[in-house]
Amino acid sequence: MTGFPLDVGEVRVLVGEDAQRALGAALAAALPPGALLFLEGELGVGKTTLTQGLVGALGFADTVTSPTYALMHVYPTLAGNVLHVDAYRVQDVTELYEMNLDELVEGSRVSVIEWGGGLYADWPNAPILLLEHVDGAGGERRVTRRR
C-alpha cells in the first residue's frame, strides 16, 4: 500500500493521545476508498483513540466512541461513511455477517475493525496494526504493523 505510514514489521512508539490521533489522521490520508484496517491490542491501549483521529481527519466532528456493546458504529464524514467495528464480544464472526458486515464495508470510505482476528482470511490484504502499552511508560504506546 503506497504511502501507508508504517511498513510491514515496522514499530513506532507514540507518546500521548495526540500522537495516536495523528497516526489515525495519517492512516485516513493513506487508506484508499473502500479500505479496511484491523486494529489489535489489549483493552485501553488506544484503538478507539487512533480511530478518533482517522474519523476526525475525514470530517466527522462529533464524538467517536468504542462500539464494544453496539458492535458497530457508522460515522458519516465528508469523505463518506466510516465503519467502526469492535468484535471483542463476538463469539462467531457469522454474527457480524448477519449484521450485513459485507455491505457496510463495501459502502464505507474506510472500515476499522478492532479484535477482528476471525476476519483476517476474508480480507487478506487489509493492514493489521497491533497497539501495545510500553512497560513503565504512562502515555506511550508501541504500534507494530503486522500485515
Protein backbone atom coordinates (compact mmCIF):
# COMPACT_ATOMS: atom_id res chain seq x y z
CA MET A 1 0.00 0.00 0.00
CA THR A 2 1.77 3.10 -1.23
CA GLY A 3 2.03 5.98 1.23
CA PHE A 4 0.98 3.88 4.25
CA PRO A 5 2.51 5.42 7.39
CA LEU A 6 4.11 2.12 8.52
CA ASP A 7 5.81 -0.65 6.59
CA VAL A 8 5.07 -4.29 7.42
CA GLY A 9 7.10 -5.17 10.51
CA GLU A 10 7.78 -1.53 11.38
CA VAL A 11 7.40 -0.48 15.01
CA ARG A 12 6.66 3.07 16.10
CA VAL A 13 6.36 4.48 19.63
CA LEU A 14 3.62 7.05 20.13
CA VAL A 15 3.67 9.38 23.13
CA GLY A 16 0.23 10.51 24.25
CA GLU A 17 -3.23 10.51 22.75
CA ASP A 18 -2.43 13.34 20.33
CA ALA A 19 0.20 11.13 18.70
CA GLN A 20 -2.32 8.29 18.44
CA ARG A 21 -4.86 10.61 16.80
CA ALA A 22 -2.17 11.94 14.45
CA LEU A 23 -1.39 8.40 13.29
CA GLY A 24 -5.12 7.88 12.73
CA ALA A 25 -5.22 11.03 10.59
CA ALA A 26 -2.21 9.80 8.59
CA LEU A 27 -4.00 6.49 8.04
CA ALA A 28 -7.09 8.32 6.80
CA ALA A 29 -4.97 10.08 4.21
CA ALA A 30 -3.19 6.88 3.14
CA LEU A 31 -6.04 4.37 3.00
CA PRO A 32 -7.80 4.25 -0.35
CA PRO A 33 -11.61 4.41 -0.60
CA GLY A 34 -13.14 1.11 0.44
CA ALA A 35 -10.11 0.07 2.54
CA LEU A 36 -10.35 -1.98 5.70
CA LEU A 37 -7.94 -1.72 8.65
CA PHE A 38 -7.63 -4.17 11.54
CA LEU A 39 -6.58 -2.91 14.99
CA GLU A 40 -5.44 -5.31 17.69
CA GLY A 41 -4.31 -4.78 21.27
CA GLU A 42 -5.43 -5.16 24.84
CA LEU A 43 -8.24 -3.15 26.35
CA GLY A 44 -7.40 0.51 26.93
CA VAL A 45 -4.40 0.61 24.61
CA GLY A 46 -5.87 3.28 22.32
CA LYS A 47 -7.55 1.56 19.39
CA THR A 48 -10.53 3.88 19.62
CA THR A 49 -8.27 6.92 20.15
CA LEU A 50 -6.47 6.10 16.91
CA THR A 51 -9.86 5.66 15.22
CA GLN A 52 -10.94 9.08 16.53
CA GLY A 53 -8.03 10.63 14.64
CA LEU A 54 -8.91 8.73 11.46
CA VAL A 55 -12.61 9.63 11.58
CA GLY A 56 -11.90 13.25 12.52
CA ALA A 57 -9.46 13.66 9.64
CA LEU A 58 -12.22 12.59 7.25
CA GLY A 59 -14.51 15.32 8.53
CA PHE A 60 -16.56 13.92 11.42
CA ALA A 61 -16.71 16.50 14.22
CA ASP A 62 -18.80 14.68 16.84
CA THR A 63 -17.71 12.14 19.45
CA VAL A 64 -16.25 8.81 18.33
CA THR A 65 -16.72 6.07 20.92
CA SER A 66 -15.91 2.40 21.18
CA PRO A 67 -18.62 0.20 19.68
CA THR A 68 -17.99 -2.50 22.31
CA TYR A 69 -21.66 -3.01 23.16
CA ALA A 70 -23.28 -1.92 19.89
CA LEU A 71 -20.64 -3.90 17.92
CA MET A 72 -20.77 -1.39 15.05
CA HIS A 73 -20.90 2.37 14.62
CA VAL A 74 -21.18 4.15 11.29
CA TYR A 75 -19.82 7.70 11.21
CA PRO A 76 -20.91 9.91 8.30
CA THR A 77 -17.93 12.00 7.22
CA LEU A 78 -17.38 14.50 4.44
CA ALA A 79 -15.42 11.78 2.60
CA GLY A 80 -18.03 9.05 3.10
CA ASN A 81 -19.05 6.71 5.91
CA VAL A 82 -16.52 5.22 8.29
CA LEU A 83 -17.50 1.85 9.72
CA HIS A 84 -16.07 1.12 13.19
CA VAL A 85 -16.50 -2.45 14.44
CA ASP A 86 -15.49 -3.95 17.78
CA ALA A 87 -15.54 -7.75 17.51
CA TYR A 88 -14.30 -8.35 21.09
CA ARG A 89 -17.63 -9.74 22.31
CA VAL A 90 -18.44 -11.64 19.11
CA GLN A 91 -18.45 -15.41 19.61
CA ASP A 92 -18.63 -16.23 15.89
CA VAL A 93 -17.91 -13.82 13.02
CA THR A 94 -21.08 -15.00 11.27
CA GLU A 95 -22.83 -12.76 13.79
CA LEU A 96 -21.19 -9.76 12.09
CA TYR A 97 -22.08 -11.00 8.63
CA GLU A 98 -25.70 -11.35 9.77
CA MET A 99 -25.49 -7.62 10.58
CA ASN A 100 -24.57 -7.01 6.90
CA LEU A 101 -20.84 -6.54 7.50
CA ASP A 102 -20.02 -7.14 3.82
CA GLU A 103 -22.43 -4.45 2.62
CA LEU A 104 -21.37 -1.98 5.30
CA VAL A 105 -17.67 -2.42 4.44
CA GLU A 106 -18.41 -2.14 0.73
CA GLY A 107 -20.37 1.08 1.25
CA SER A 108 -17.83 2.76 3.51
CA ARG A 109 -14.98 5.14 2.74
CA VAL A 110 -12.92 3.12 5.23
CA SER A 111 -13.68 0.41 7.79
CA VAL A 112 -11.84 -0.11 11.07
CA ILE A 113 -12.28 -3.44 12.83
CA GLU A 114 -10.97 -3.96 16.36
CA TRP A 115 -10.34 -7.52 17.56
CA GLY A 116 -11.06 -8.86 14.06
CA GLY A 117 -8.79 -11.91 14.02
CA GLY A 118 -11.63 -14.14 12.86
CA LEU A 119 -11.98 -11.96 9.75
CA TYR A 120 -8.34 -11.82 8.62
CA ALA A 121 -8.76 -14.53 5.98
CA ASP A 122 -11.76 -12.72 4.47
CA TRP A 123 -9.70 -9.55 3.90
CA PRO A 124 -6.18 -10.88 3.26
CA ASN A 125 -4.84 -7.53 2.02
CA ALA A 126 -6.08 -5.43 4.93
CA PRO A 127 -3.33 -4.00 7.14
CA ILE A 128 -3.16 -5.17 10.75
CA LEU A 129 -1.83 -2.84 13.43
CA LEU A 130 -1.00 -4.10 16.92
CA LEU A 131 -1.08 -1.49 19.69
CA GLU A 132 0.67 -2.22 22.98
CA HIS A 133 1.38 -0.40 26.22
CA VAL A 134 5.08 0.40 26.68
CA ASP A 135 6.11 -1.03 30.08
CA GLY A 136 6.73 1.64 32.67
CA ALA A 137 5.61 4.49 30.42
CA GLY A 138 2.23 6.00 31.22
CA GLY A 139 1.22 7.51 27.89
CA GLU A 140 3.45 5.63 25.45
CA ARG A 141 2.12 3.06 23.03
CA ARG A 142 4.00 0.84 20.65
CA VAL A 143 2.37 0.32 17.25
CA THR A 144 3.53 -2.56 15.06
CA ARG A 145 2.29 -3.22 11.57
CA ARG A 146 1.75 -6.98 11.38
CA ARG A 147 0.49 -7.11 7.81
